[in-house]
């Protein structure tokens, strides 16, 4: 009965004017973000981050957003998960396998190193556990999509203040990853003539060290076609780790929360069903011949839905929190990004 009641409530929200209004507003932001991301100076930022920024701008129409609030929350949650599932079609498992064990091993080392170092630095700088792990995950795996995917695994109690703080942390973490990813994209392009790398090595470095797929594409393209292809494959090897990392982080976070509050109610470890969908989508896109022609369209739909979710997130941004709570997390992620670049540059020169 409770499941049916929950489904009934969701259907009522979907078939309502507030949801329709929220869907229209976030769709405009997502489409505009996709278009603006094709422009030369905005390409490095990426469509998802631009959609987030446009969502923030939408806050000037506060009465409309207040009316759309129930729909905005639903889009930020459900559309995000559906978008991540569809993003799985972008992962061609055969191409990843052909890249070799070295590329997969590099991804494991990079993701593990970055998450651990960023998290530990953030905690030493006084950043709360939730924001620290979101920032670490976004820096280590795949930017905004990783922040939101991991966030869904960090369940909290029903306290409205806690939920609000966690939503604010999501925006702060996405902003940090966007700022640093863009900065280090420009740094790596500038360093290219000084590093004396082959096209393959430069592609490995950019794909292994930059935060968003858009960042890896922008920097990798500076080294030519071979560098670009290598950057994409290396980056997608890190994206592949999103599902297992989400499970491990969810288990760890629940354990750490219980240790910090032994008297609190025990929360079940969330099962990331949408991550299973992400994996199944990658399997289907790789091995079902009839889907090959549809994969580009499905990936575009994934980014459209993710853009709508990011816009919905931007509509809930508390700007004072963004400029206060995020400072120490930004410093921690900045230091770890420098260390990450040094590590991946060394590994690419040594093993590729």
C-alpha atoms as a PDB file:
ATOM      1  CA  UNK A   1       0.000   0.000   0.000  1.00  0.00           C
ATOM      2  CA  UNK A   2       2.820   2.422   0.868  1.00  0.00           C
ATOM      3  CA  UNK A   3       4.461   1.852  -2.516  1.00  0.00           C
ATOM      4  CA  UNK A   4       1.192   2.438  -4.345  1.00  0.00           C
ATOM      5  CA  UNK A   5       0.552   5.533  -2.277  1.00  0.00           C
ATOM      6  CA  UNK A   6       4.034   6.827  -3.106  1.00  0.00           C
ATOM      7  CA  UNK A   7       3.495   6.164  -6.812  1.00  0.00           C
ATOM      8  CA  UNK A   8       0.131   7.915  -6.645  1.00  0.00           C
ATOM      9  CA  UNK A   9       1.686  10.997  -5.034  1.00  0.00           C
ATOM     10  CA  UNK A  10       4.420  11.082  -7.679  1.00  0.00           C
ATOM     11  CA  UNK A  11       1.886  10.822 -10.504  1.00  0.00           C
ATOM     12  CA  UNK A  12      -0.084  13.702  -8.993  1.00  0.00           C
ATOM     13  CA  UNK A  13       3.098  15.801  -8.982  1.00  0.00           C
ATOM     14  CA  UNK A  14       3.968  14.886 -12.571  1.00  0.00           C
ATOM     15  CA  UNK A  15       0.500  15.644 -13.927  1.00  0.00           C
ATOM     16  CA  UNK A  16       0.322  19.079 -12.347  1.00  0.00           C
ATOM     17  CA  UNK A  17       0.852  22.637 -13.487  1.00  0.00           C
ATOM     18  CA  UNK A  18       3.798  23.270 -11.124  1.00  0.00           C
ATOM     19  CA  UNK A  19       5.634  20.310 -12.671  1.00  0.00           C
ATOM     20  CA  UNK A  20       4.818  21.480 -16.195  1.00  0.00           C
ATOM     21  CA  UNK A  21       6.126  24.937 -15.360  1.00  0.00           C
ATOM     22  CA  UNK A  22       9.296  23.502 -13.789  1.00  0.00           C
ATOM     23  CA  UNK A  23       9.839  21.208 -16.783  1.00  0.00           C
ATOM     24  CA  UNK A  24       9.534  24.128 -19.193  1.00  0.00           C
ATOM     25  CA  UNK A  25      11.948  26.342 -17.242  1.00  0.00           C
ATOM     26  CA  UNK A  26      14.579  23.630 -16.790  1.00  0.00           C
ATOM     27  CA  UNK A  27      14.210  22.500 -20.412  1.00  0.00           C
ATOM     28  CA  UNK A  28      14.916  26.047 -21.595  1.00  0.00           C
ATOM     29  CA  UNK A  29      18.036  26.155 -19.415  1.00  0.00           C
ATOM     30  CA  UNK A  30      19.215  22.761 -20.624  1.00  0.00           C
ATOM     31  CA  UNK A  31      18.712  23.546 -24.317  1.00  0.00           C
ATOM     32  CA  UNK A  32      20.351  26.950 -23.921  1.00  0.00           C
ATOM     33  CA  UNK A  33      23.253  25.333 -22.071  1.00  0.00           C
ATOM     34  CA  UNK A  34      23.729  22.811 -24.885  1.00  0.00           C
ATOM     35  CA  UNK A  35      23.784  25.591 -27.466  1.00  0.00           C
ATOM     36  CA  UNK A  36      26.077  27.912 -25.511  1.00  0.00           C
ATOM     37  CA  UNK A  37      28.502  25.034 -24.881  1.00  0.00           C
ATOM     38  CA  UNK A  38      29.145  24.887 -28.645  1.00  0.00           C
ATOM     39  CA  UNK A  39      30.552  28.423 -28.661  1.00  0.00           C
ATOM     40  CA  UNK A  40      34.367  28.715 -28.645  1.00  0.00           C
ATOM     41  CA  UNK A  41      34.901  30.381 -25.289  1.00  0.00           C
ATOM     42  CA  UNK A  42      32.142  28.482 -23.470  1.00  0.00           C
ATOM     43  CA  UNK A  43      32.935  25.008 -24.799  1.00  0.00           C
ATOM     44  CA  UNK A  44      35.500  24.481 -22.059  1.00  0.00           C
ATOM     45  CA  UNK A  45      32.865  25.045 -19.353  1.00  0.00           C
ATOM     46  CA  UNK A  46      30.442  22.399 -20.595  1.00  0.00           C
ATOM     47  CA  UNK A  47      26.679  22.230 -21.072  1.00  0.00           C
ATOM     48  CA  UNK A  48      25.851  20.911 -17.589  1.00  0.00           C
ATOM     49  CA  UNK A  49      27.637  23.688 -15.725  1.00  0.00           C
ATOM     50  CA  UNK A  50      26.130  26.333 -18.029  1.00  0.00           C
ATOM     51  CA  UNK A  51      22.664  24.883 -17.345  1.00  0.00           C
ATOM     52  CA  UNK A  52      23.395  25.147 -13.610  1.00  0.00           C
ATOM     53  CA  UNK A  53      24.404  28.801 -14.033  1.00  0.00           C
ATOM     54  CA  UNK A  54      21.273  29.553 -16.062  1.00  0.00           C
ATOM     55  CA  UNK A  55      19.210  27.954 -13.302  1.00  0.00           C
ATOM     56  CA  UNK A  56      20.825  30.360 -10.861  1.00  0.00           C
ATOM     57  CA  UNK A  57      19.897  33.283 -13.123  1.00  0.00           C
ATOM     58  CA  UNK A  58      16.286  32.068 -13.114  1.00  0.00           C
ATOM     59  CA  UNK A  59      16.116  33.026  -9.442  1.00  0.00           C
ATOM     60  CA  UNK A  60      15.305  36.572 -10.548  1.00  0.00           C
ATOM     61  CA  UNK A  61      11.806  35.235 -11.237  1.00  0.00           C
ATOM     62  CA  UNK A  62      11.201  34.186  -7.648  1.00  0.00           C
ATOM     63  CA  UNK A  63       7.350  34.038  -7.779  1.00  0.00           C
ATOM     64  CA  UNK A  64       7.460  31.639 -10.750  1.00  0.00           C
ATOM     65  CA  UNK A  65      10.052  29.449  -9.029  1.00  0.00           C
ATOM     66  CA  UNK A  66       8.038  29.345  -5.824  1.00  0.00           C
ATOM     67  CA  UNK A  67       5.011  28.154  -7.810  1.00  0.00           C
ATOM     68  CA  UNK A  68       7.150  25.516  -9.585  1.00  0.00           C
ATOM     69  CA  UNK A  69       8.966  24.319  -6.443  1.00  0.00           C
ATOM     70  CA  UNK A  70       7.381  20.803  -6.219  1.00  0.00           C
ATOM     71  CA  UNK A  71       8.254  20.114  -9.850  1.00  0.00           C
ATOM     72  CA  UNK A  72      11.777  21.511  -9.492  1.00  0.00           C
ATOM     73  CA  UNK A  73      12.533  19.070  -6.682  1.00  0.00           C
ATOM     74  CA  UNK A  74      11.210  16.130  -8.696  1.00  0.00           C
ATOM     75  CA  UNK A  75      13.274  17.043 -11.750  1.00  0.00           C
ATOM     76  CA  UNK A  76      16.449  17.490  -9.704  1.00  0.00           C
ATOM     77  CA  UNK A  77      16.009  13.980  -8.315  1.00  0.00           C
ATOM     78  CA  UNK A  78      14.353  11.749 -10.918  1.00  0.00           C
ATOM     79  CA  UNK A  79      15.649  13.336 -14.114  1.00  0.00           C
ATOM     80  CA  UNK A  80      19.165  13.181 -12.712  1.00  0.00           C
ATOM     81  CA  UNK A  81      18.959   9.418 -12.223  1.00  0.00           C
ATOM     82  CA  UNK A  82      17.397   8.809 -15.617  1.00  0.00           C
ATOM     83  CA  UNK A  83      20.078  10.964 -17.229  1.00  0.00           C
ATOM     84  CA  UNK A  84      22.875   9.006 -15.554  1.00  0.00           C
ATOM     85  CA  UNK A  85      21.309   5.723 -16.727  1.00  0.00           C
ATOM     86  CA  UNK A  86      21.190   6.970 -20.319  1.00  0.00           C
ATOM     87  CA  UNK A  87      24.747   8.275 -20.010  1.00  0.00           C
ATOM     88  CA  UNK A  88      25.779   4.622 -19.762  1.00  0.00           C
ATOM     89  CA  UNK A  89      25.212   4.317 -23.512  1.00  0.00           C
ATOM     90  CA  UNK A  90      28.240   6.568 -23.984  1.00  0.00           C
ATOM     91  CA  UNK A  91      30.478   3.855 -22.525  1.00  0.00           C
ATOM     92  CA  UNK A  92      31.620   1.441 -25.202  1.00  0.00           C
ATOM     93  CA  UNK A  93      33.029  -1.460 -23.214  1.00  0.00           C
ATOM     94  CA  UNK A  94      34.842  -2.935 -26.210  1.00  0.00           C
ATOM     95  CA  UNK A  95      36.677   0.342 -26.812  1.00  0.00           C
ATOM     96  CA  UNK A  96      37.626   0.475 -23.140  1.00  0.00           C
ATOM     97  CA  UNK A  97      38.880  -3.115 -23.275  1.00  0.00           C
ATOM     98  CA  UNK A  98      40.905  -2.350 -26.406  1.00  0.00           C
ATOM     99  CA  UNK A  99      42.514   0.568 -24.604  1.00  0.00           C
ATOM    100  CA  UNK A 100      44.264  -2.019 -22.486  1.00  0.00           C
ATOM    101  CA  UNK A 101      44.770  -2.882 -18.869  1.00  0.00           C
ATOM    102  CA  UNK A 102      47.098   0.096 -18.439  1.00  0.00           C
ATOM    103  CA  UNK A 103      44.278   2.554 -19.085  1.00  0.00           C
ATOM    104  CA  UNK A 104      41.903   0.800 -16.678  1.00  0.00           C
ATOM    105  CA  UNK A 105      44.649   0.546 -14.049  1.00  0.00           C
ATOM    106  CA  UNK A 106      45.415   4.237 -14.482  1.00  0.00           C
ATOM    107  CA  UNK A 107      41.739   5.075 -13.922  1.00  0.00           C
ATOM    108  CA  UNK A 108      41.626   3.034 -10.711  1.00  0.00           C
ATOM    109  CA  UNK A 109      44.794   4.704  -9.407  1.00  0.00           C
ATOM    110  CA  UNK A 110      43.593   8.191 -10.361  1.00  0.00           C
ATOM    111  CA  UNK A 111      40.120   7.839  -8.855  1.00  0.00           C
ATOM    112  CA  UNK A 112      41.380   6.229  -5.637  1.00  0.00           C
ATOM    113  CA  UNK A 113      44.218   8.721  -5.174  1.00  0.00           C
ATOM    114  CA  UNK A 114      42.111  11.794  -5.903  1.00  0.00           C
ATOM    115  CA  UNK A 115      39.152  10.863  -3.725  1.00  0.00           C
ATOM    116  CA  UNK A 116      41.320   9.939  -0.732  1.00  0.00           C
ATOM    117  CA  UNK A 117      43.617  12.966  -0.979  1.00  0.00           C
ATOM    118  CA  UNK A 118      40.856  15.500  -1.629  1.00  0.00           C
ATOM    119  CA  UNK A 119      38.684  14.144   1.157  1.00  0.00           C
ATOM    120  CA  UNK A 120      41.497  14.097   3.716  1.00  0.00           C
ATOM    121  CA  UNK A 121      42.627  17.614   2.817  1.00  0.00           C
ATOM    122  CA  UNK A 122      39.072  18.933   2.964  1.00  0.00           C
ATOM    123  CA  UNK A 123      38.487  17.398   6.390  1.00  0.00           C
ATOM    124  CA  UNK A 124      41.760  18.878   7.675  1.00  0.00           C
ATOM    125  CA  UNK A 125      40.566  22.275   6.476  1.00  0.00           C
ATOM    126  CA  UNK A 126      37.347  21.877   8.460  1.00  0.00           C
ATOM    127  CA  UNK A 127      34.984  20.950   5.625  1.00  0.00           C
ATOM    128  CA  UNK A 128      32.027  18.818   6.747  1.00  0.00           C
ATOM    129  CA  UNK A 129      31.992  15.150   5.732  1.00  0.00           C
ATOM    130  CA  UNK A 130      29.181  15.444   3.200  1.00  0.00           C
ATOM    131  CA  UNK A 131      30.681  18.321   1.223  1.00  0.00           C
ATOM    132  CA  UNK A 132      34.156  16.799   1.448  1.00  0.00           C
ATOM    133  CA  UNK A 133      33.167  13.481  -0.157  1.00  0.00           C
ATOM    134  CA  UNK A 134      31.063  15.184  -2.851  1.00  0.00           C
ATOM    135  CA  UNK A 135      33.966  17.453  -3.799  1.00  0.00           C
ATOM    136  CA  UNK A 136      36.382  14.526  -3.754  1.00  0.00           C
ATOM    137  CA  UNK A 137      34.113  12.386  -5.943  1.00  0.00           C
ATOM    138  CA  UNK A 138      33.507  15.129  -8.496  1.00  0.00           C
ATOM    139  CA  UNK A 139      37.233  15.842  -8.718  1.00  0.00           C
ATOM    140  CA  UNK A 140      38.183  12.180  -8.974  1.00  0.00           C
ATOM    141  CA  UNK A 141      35.537  10.706 -11.294  1.00  0.00           C
ATOM    142  CA  UNK A 142      33.539  12.828 -13.723  1.00  0.00           C
ATOM    143  CA  UNK A 143      32.587  16.219 -12.359  1.00  0.00           C
ATOM    144  CA  UNK A 144      28.963  17.269 -11.902  1.00  0.00           C
ATOM    145  CA  UNK A 145      27.467  13.876 -12.819  1.00  0.00           C
ATOM    146  CA  UNK A 146      29.635  12.202 -10.170  1.00  0.00           C
ATOM    147  CA  UNK A 147      28.692  14.779  -7.541  1.00  0.00           C
ATOM    148  CA  UNK A 148      25.002  14.158  -8.121  1.00  0.00           C
ATOM    149  CA  UNK A 149      25.346  10.394  -8.499  1.00  0.00           C
ATOM    150  CA  UNK A 150      27.323  10.042  -5.277  1.00  0.00           C
ATOM    151  CA  UNK A 151      25.017  12.460  -3.452  1.00  0.00           C
ATOM    152  CA  UNK A 152      22.075  10.140  -4.052  1.00  0.00           C
ATOM    153  CA  UNK A 153      23.935   7.504  -2.030  1.00  0.00           C
ATOM    154  CA  UNK A 154      24.453   9.745   1.004  1.00  0.00           C
ATOM    155  CA  UNK A 155      21.110   9.352   2.725  1.00  0.00           C
ATOM    156  CA  UNK A 156      20.214  11.534   5.650  1.00  0.00           C
ATOM    157  CA  UNK A 157      17.372  11.733   8.135  1.00  0.00           C
ATOM    158  CA  UNK A 158      14.155  13.579   7.417  1.00  0.00           C
ATOM    159  CA  UNK A 159      15.340  16.776   9.086  1.00  0.00           C
ATOM    160  CA  UNK A 160      14.550  19.619   6.631  1.00  0.00           C
ATOM    161  CA  UNK A 161      17.637  21.579   7.723  1.00  0.00           C
ATOM    162  CA  UNK A 162      19.893  18.604   6.954  1.00  0.00           C
ATOM    163  CA  UNK A 163      18.315  18.069   3.555  1.00  0.00           C
ATOM    164  CA  UNK A 164      18.711  21.760   2.715  1.00  0.00           C
ATOM    165  CA  UNK A 165      22.370  21.710   3.750  1.00  0.00           C
ATOM    166  CA  UNK A 166      22.995  18.655   1.580  1.00  0.00           C
ATOM    167  CA  UNK A 167      21.352  20.318  -1.425  1.00  0.00           C
ATOM    168  CA  UNK A 168      23.542  23.366  -0.883  1.00  0.00           C
ATOM    169  CA  UNK A 169      26.598  21.129  -0.673  1.00  0.00           C
ATOM    170  CA  UNK A 170      25.725  19.609  -4.053  1.00  0.00           C
ATOM    171  CA  UNK A 171      25.762  23.048  -5.675  1.00  0.00           C
ATOM    172  CA  UNK A 172      29.003  24.028  -3.931  1.00  0.00           C
ATOM    173  CA  UNK A 173      30.733  20.813  -5.034  1.00  0.00           C
ATOM    174  CA  UNK A 174      29.573  21.232  -8.643  1.00  0.00           C
ATOM    175  CA  UNK A 175      30.782  24.841  -8.645  1.00  0.00           C
ATOM    176  CA  UNK A 176      34.195  23.820  -7.289  1.00  0.00           C
ATOM    177  CA  UNK A 177      34.634  21.113  -9.917  1.00  0.00           C
ATOM    178  CA  UNK A 178      33.561  23.507 -12.674  1.00  0.00           C
ATOM    179  CA  UNK A 179      35.970  26.253 -11.581  1.00  0.00           C
ATOM    180  CA  UNK A 180      38.972  23.980 -11.151  1.00  0.00           C
ATOM    181  CA  UNK A 181      38.221  21.885 -14.223  1.00  0.00           C
ATOM    182  CA  UNK A 182      38.095  24.978 -16.426  1.00  0.00           C
ATOM    183  CA  UNK A 183      41.249  26.431 -14.853  1.00  0.00           C
ATOM    184  CA  UNK A 184      43.260  23.224 -15.235  1.00  0.00           C
ATOM    185  CA  UNK A 185      42.054  22.758 -18.806  1.00  0.00           C
ATOM    186  CA  UNK A 186      43.686  26.067 -19.687  1.00  0.00           C
ATOM    187  CA  UNK A 187      46.790  25.186 -17.645  1.00  0.00           C
ATOM    188  CA  UNK A 188      47.271  21.838 -19.392  1.00  0.00           C
ATOM    189  CA  UNK A 189      46.829  23.372 -22.847  1.00  0.00           C
ATOM    190  CA  UNK A 190      49.426  25.975 -21.875  1.00  0.00           C
ATOM    191  CA  UNK A 191      51.826  23.329 -20.563  1.00  0.00           C
ATOM    192  CA  UNK A 192      51.620  21.182 -23.698  1.00  0.00           C
ATOM    193  CA  UNK A 193      54.634  22.709 -25.514  1.00  0.00           C
ATOM    194  CA  UNK A 194      56.754  22.427 -22.362  1.00  0.00           C
ATOM    195  CA  UNK A 195      56.064  18.767 -21.546  1.00  0.00           C
ATOM    196  CA  UNK A 196      57.389  17.257 -24.802  1.00  0.00           C
ATOM    197  CA  UNK A 197      54.758  14.520 -24.774  1.00  0.00           C
ATOM    198  CA  UNK A 198      53.567  12.378 -27.646  1.00  0.00           C
ATOM    199  CA  UNK A 199      49.949  12.786 -28.724  1.00  0.00           C
ATOM    200  CA  UNK A 200      49.098   9.554 -26.894  1.00  0.00           C
ATOM    201  CA  UNK A 201      50.764  10.696 -23.677  1.00  0.00           C
ATOM    202  CA  UNK A 202      49.079  14.112 -23.760  1.00  0.00           C
ATOM    203  CA  UNK A 203      45.697  12.455 -24.297  1.00  0.00           C
ATOM    204  CA  UNK A 204      46.273  10.149 -21.339  1.00  0.00           C
ATOM    205  CA  UNK A 205      47.271  13.105 -19.167  1.00  0.00           C
ATOM    206  CA  UNK A 206      44.235  15.226 -20.039  1.00  0.00           C
ATOM    207  CA  UNK A 207      41.751  12.364 -19.781  1.00  0.00           C
ATOM    208  CA  UNK A 208      43.301  11.138 -16.561  1.00  0.00           C
ATOM    209  CA  UNK A 209      43.550  14.469 -14.749  1.00  0.00           C
ATOM    210  CA  UNK A 210      40.685  16.733 -15.835  1.00  0.00           C
ATOM    211  CA  UNK A 211      37.324  16.689 -14.103  1.00  0.00           C
ATOM    212  CA  UNK A 212      34.491  16.877 -16.660  1.00  0.00           C
ATOM    213  CA  UNK A 213      34.255  15.032 -19.973  1.00  0.00           C
ATOM    214  CA  UNK A 214      33.953  18.471 -21.588  1.00  0.00           C
ATOM    215  CA  UNK A 215      37.271  19.496 -20.016  1.00  0.00           C
ATOM    216  CA  UNK A 216      39.034  16.376 -21.296  1.00  0.00           C
ATOM    217  CA  UNK A 217      37.632  16.932 -24.799  1.00  0.00           C
ATOM    218  CA  UNK A 218      38.650  20.592 -24.858  1.00  0.00           C
ATOM    219  CA  UNK A 219      42.212  19.942 -23.693  1.00  0.00           C
ATOM    220  CA  UNK A 220      42.683  16.683 -25.594  1.00  0.00           C
ATOM    221  CA  UNK A 221      41.692  18.295 -28.884  1.00  0.00           C
ATOM    222  CA  UNK A 222      44.671  20.649 -28.545  1.00  0.00           C
ATOM    223  CA  UNK A 223      46.936  17.647 -29.179  1.00  0.00           C
ATOM    224  CA  UNK A 224      45.245  16.462 -32.370  1.00  0.00           C
ATOM    225  CA  UNK A 225      42.939  13.534 -33.250  1.00  0.00           C
ATOM    226  CA  UNK A 226      45.003  10.822 -31.537  1.00  0.00           C
ATOM    227  CA  UNK A 227      45.246  12.882 -28.377  1.00  0.00           C
ATOM    228  CA  UNK A 228      41.509  13.610 -28.407  1.00  0.00           C
ATOM    229  CA  UNK A 229      40.510   9.958 -28.858  1.00  0.00           C
ATOM    230  CA  UNK A 230      42.891   8.903 -26.102  1.00  0.00           C
ATOM    231  CA  UNK A 231      41.620  11.623 -23.761  1.00  0.00           C
ATOM    232  CA  UNK A 232      38.013  10.494 -24.249  1.00  0.00           C
ATOM    233  CA  UNK A 233      38.807   6.800 -23.684  1.00  0.00           C
ATOM    234  CA  UNK A 234      40.886   7.582 -20.596  1.00  0.00           C
ATOM    235  CA  UNK A 235      38.181   9.829 -19.195  1.00  0.00           C
ATOM    236  CA  UNK A 236      35.460   7.247 -19.841  1.00  0.00           C
ATOM    237  CA  UNK A 237      37.564   4.683 -17.979  1.00  0.00           C
ATOM    238  CA  UNK A 238      37.146   6.906 -14.932  1.00  0.00           C
ATOM    239  CA  UNK A 239      33.422   7.328 -15.623  1.00  0.00           C
ATOM    240  CA  UNK A 240      33.105   3.531 -15.612  1.00  0.00           C
ATOM    241  CA  UNK A 241      34.118   3.570 -11.941  1.00  0.00           C
ATOM    242  CA  UNK A 242      31.164   5.761 -10.941  1.00  0.00           C
ATOM    243  CA  UNK A 243      28.913   2.791 -10.123  1.00  0.00           C
ATOM    244  CA  UNK A 244      31.314   0.810  -7.879  1.00  0.00           C
ATOM    245  CA  UNK A 245      32.535   3.968  -6.153  1.00  0.00           C
ATOM    246  CA  UNK A 246      28.935   5.035  -5.450  1.00  0.00           C
ATOM    247  CA  UNK A 247      28.255   1.705  -3.733  1.00  0.00           C
ATOM    248  CA  UNK A 248      31.457   1.816  -1.665  1.00  0.00           C
ATOM    249  CA  UNK A 249      30.956   5.460  -0.676  1.00  0.00           C
ATOM    250  CA  UNK A 250      27.337   4.752   0.345  1.00  0.00           C
ATOM    251  CA  UNK A 251      28.448   1.917   2.638  1.00  0.00           C
ATOM    252  CA  UNK A 252      31.298   3.972   4.092  1.00  0.00           C
ATOM    253  CA  UNK A 253      29.158   7.064   4.646  1.00  0.00           C
ATOM    254  CA  UNK A 254      26.485   5.160   6.543  1.00  0.00           C
ATOM    255  CA  UNK A 255      29.134   3.558   8.758  1.00  0.00           C
ATOM    256  CA  UNK A 256      30.827   6.906   9.433  1.00  0.00           C
ATOM    257  CA  UNK A 257      27.472   8.522  10.218  1.00  0.00           C
ATOM    258  CA  UNK A 258      26.593   5.785  12.730  1.00  0.00           C
ATOM    259  CA  UNK A 259      29.996   6.164  14.403  1.00  0.00           C
ATOM    260  CA  UNK A 260      29.512   9.929  14.676  1.00  0.00           C
ATOM    261  CA  UNK A 261      25.991   9.503  16.078  1.00  0.00           C
ATOM    262  CA  UNK A 262      25.714   6.085  17.804  1.00  0.00           C
ATOM    263  CA  UNK A 263      22.319   6.937  19.326  1.00  0.00           C
ATOM    264  CA  UNK A 264      20.778   7.895  16.007  1.00  0.00           C
ATOM    265  CA  UNK A 265      18.408   5.699  14.077  1.00  0.00           C
ATOM    266  CA  UNK A 266      20.192   3.200  11.863  1.00  0.00           C
ATOM    267  CA  UNK A 267      19.749   4.057   8.194  1.00  0.00           C
ATOM    268  CA  UNK A 268      19.784   1.297   5.562  1.00  0.00           C
ATOM    269  CA  UNK A 269      22.552   1.404   2.987  1.00  0.00           C
ATOM    270  CA  UNK A 270      20.925   2.673  -0.218  1.00  0.00           C
ATOM    271  CA  UNK A 271      20.925   0.383  -3.238  1.00  0.00           C
ATOM    272  CA  UNK A 272      21.863   2.415  -6.327  1.00  0.00           C
ATOM    273  CA  UNK A 273      19.423   0.851  -8.769  1.00  0.00           C
ATOM    274  CA  UNK A 274      19.999   3.642 -11.254  1.00  0.00           C
ATOM    275  CA  UNK A 275      23.718   2.757 -11.240  1.00  0.00           C
ATOM    276  CA  UNK A 276      22.731  -0.769 -12.246  1.00  0.00           C
ATOM    277  CA  UNK A 277      20.793   0.829 -15.075  1.00  0.00           C
ATOM    278  CA  UNK A 278      23.933   2.799 -15.992  1.00  0.00           C
ATOM    279  CA  UNK A 279      25.907  -0.451 -16.307  1.00  0.00           C
ATOM    280  CA  UNK A 280      23.147  -2.245 -18.229  1.00  0.00           C
ATOM    281  CA  UNK A 281      22.908   0.698 -20.633  1.00  0.00           C
ATOM    282  CA  UNK A 282      26.632   0.479 -21.353  1.00  0.00           C
ATOM    283  CA  UNK A 283      26.331  -3.275 -21.946  1.00  0.00           C
ATOM    284  CA  UNK A 284      23.329  -2.811 -24.242  1.00  0.00           C
ATOM    285  CA  UNK A 285      24.966   0.016 -26.185  1.00  0.00           C
ATOM    286  CA  UNK A 286      28.084  -2.071 -26.686  1.00  0.00           C
ATOM    287  CA  UNK A 287      26.689  -5.479 -27.584  1.00  0.00           C
ATOM    288  CA  UNK A 288      23.228  -4.955 -29.140  1.00  0.00           C
ATOM    289  CA  UNK A 289      23.882  -4.116 -32.810  1.00  0.00           C
ATOM    290  CA  UNK A 290      20.488  -2.531 -33.399  1.00  0.00           C
ATOM    291  CA  UNK A 291      21.173   0.119 -30.722  1.00  0.00           C
ATOM    292  CA  UNK A 292      24.371   1.421 -32.302  1.00  0.00           C
ATOM    293  CA  UNK A 293      22.520   3.908 -34.501  1.00  0.00           C
ATOM    294  CA  UNK A 294      20.453   5.134 -31.536  1.00  0.00           C
ATOM    295  CA  UNK A 295      23.349   5.630 -29.109  1.00  0.00           C
ATOM    296  CA  UNK A 296      24.182   9.236 -30.171  1.00  0.00           C
ATOM    297  CA  UNK A 297      20.538  10.238 -29.706  1.00  0.00           C
ATOM    298  CA  UNK A 298      20.307   8.487 -26.344  1.00  0.00           C
ATOM    299  CA  UNK A 299      23.463  10.246 -25.147  1.00  0.00           C
ATOM    300  CA  UNK A 300      22.021  13.601 -26.268  1.00  0.00           C
ATOM    301  CA  UNK A 301      18.848  12.800 -24.320  1.00  0.00           C
ATOM    302  CA  UNK A 302      21.001  11.928 -21.296  1.00  0.00           C
ATOM    303  CA  UNK A 303      22.681  15.330 -21.373  1.00  0.00           C
ATOM    304  CA  UNK A 304      19.330  17.039 -21.911  1.00  0.00           C
ATOM    305  CA  UNK A 305      17.898  15.400 -18.769  1.00  0.00           C
ATOM    306  CA  UNK A 306      21.089  16.005 -16.783  1.00  0.00           C
ATOM    307  CA  UNK A 307      21.018  19.630 -17.893  1.00  0.00           C
ATOM    308  CA  UNK A 308      17.429  19.946 -16.647  1.00  0.00           C
ATOM    309  CA  UNK A 309      18.462  18.415 -13.305  1.00  0.00           C
ATOM    310  CA  UNK A 310      21.419  20.808 -13.016  1.00  0.00           C
ATOM    311  CA  UNK A 311      19.176  23.777 -13.842  1.00  0.00           C
ATOM    312  CA  UNK A 312      16.732  22.659 -11.142  1.00  0.00           C
ATOM    313  CA  UNK A 313      19.650  22.503  -8.735  1.00  0.00           C
ATOM    314  CA  UNK A 314      20.720  26.014  -9.713  1.00  0.00           C
ATOM    315  CA  UNK A 315      17.229  27.315  -8.998  1.00  0.00           C
ATOM    316  CA  UNK A 316      17.713  26.305  -5.360  1.00  0.00           C
ATOM    317  CA  UNK A 317      21.174  27.833  -4.880  1.00  0.00           C
ATOM    318  CA  UNK A 318      21.818  29.821  -1.723  1.00  0.00           C
ATOM    319  CA  UNK A 319      24.472  32.286  -2.912  1.00  0.00           C
ATOM    320  CA  UNK A 320      25.746  33.206   0.538  1.00  0.00           C
ATOM    321  CA  UNK A 321      26.498  29.519   1.195  1.00  0.00           C
ATOM    322  CA  UNK A 322      28.273  29.187  -2.139  1.00  0.00           C
ATOM    323  CA  UNK A 323      30.766  31.916  -1.249  1.00  0.00           C
ATOM    324  CA  UNK A 324      31.298  30.961   2.390  1.00  0.00           C
ATOM    325  CA  UNK A 325      31.043  27.206   2.906  1.00  0.00           C
ATOM    326  CA  UNK A 326      32.910  26.368  -0.294  1.00  0.00           C
ATOM    327  CA  UNK A 327      36.168  28.268   0.294  1.00  0.00           C
ATOM    328  CA  UNK A 328      38.068  25.567   2.189  1.00  0.00           C
ATOM    329  CA  UNK A 329      36.724  22.806  -0.036  1.00  0.00           C
ATOM    330  CA  UNK A 330      37.943  24.785  -3.067  1.00  0.00           C
ATOM    331  CA  UNK A 331      41.432  25.074  -1.585  1.00  0.00           C
ATOM    332  CA  UNK A 332      41.545  21.346  -0.793  1.00  0.00           C
ATOM    333  CA  UNK A 333      40.379  20.388  -4.288  1.00  0.00           C
ATOM    334  CA  UNK A 334      42.831  22.853  -5.809  1.00  0.00           C
ATOM    335  CA  UNK A 335      45.777  21.280  -3.993  1.00  0.00           C
ATOM    336  CA  UNK A 336      44.676  17.767  -4.907  1.00  0.00           C
ATOM    337  CA  UNK A 337      44.201  18.833  -8.552  1.00  0.00           C
ATOM    338  CA  UNK A 338      47.818  19.983  -8.671  1.00  0.00           C
ATOM    339  CA  UNK A 339      48.960  16.671  -7.180  1.00  0.00           C
ATOM    340  CA  UNK A 340      46.706  14.775  -9.586  1.00  0.00           C
ATOM    341  CA  UNK A 341      48.158  16.576 -12.610  1.00  0.00           C
ATOM    342  CA  UNK A 342      51.720  15.824 -11.440  1.00  0.00           C
ATOM    343  CA  UNK A 343      50.861  12.152 -10.826  1.00  0.00           C
ATOM    344  CA  UNK A 344      49.107  11.560 -14.169  1.00  0.00           C
ATOM    345  CA  UNK A 345      51.762  13.457 -16.134  1.00  0.00           C
ATOM    346  CA  UNK A 346      54.433  11.249 -14.582  1.00  0.00           C
ATOM    347  CA  UNK A 347      52.489   8.033 -15.202  1.00  0.00           C
ATOM    348  CA  UNK A 348      51.686   8.960 -18.799  1.00  0.00           C
ATOM    349  CA  UNK A 349      55.353   9.742 -19.567  1.00  0.00           C
ATOM    350  CA  UNK A 350      56.507   6.537 -17.875  1.00  0.00           C
ATOM    351  CA  UNK A 351      53.999   3.923 -19.042  1.00  0.00           C
ATOM    352  CA  UNK A 352      52.442   5.219 -22.281  1.00  0.00           C
END
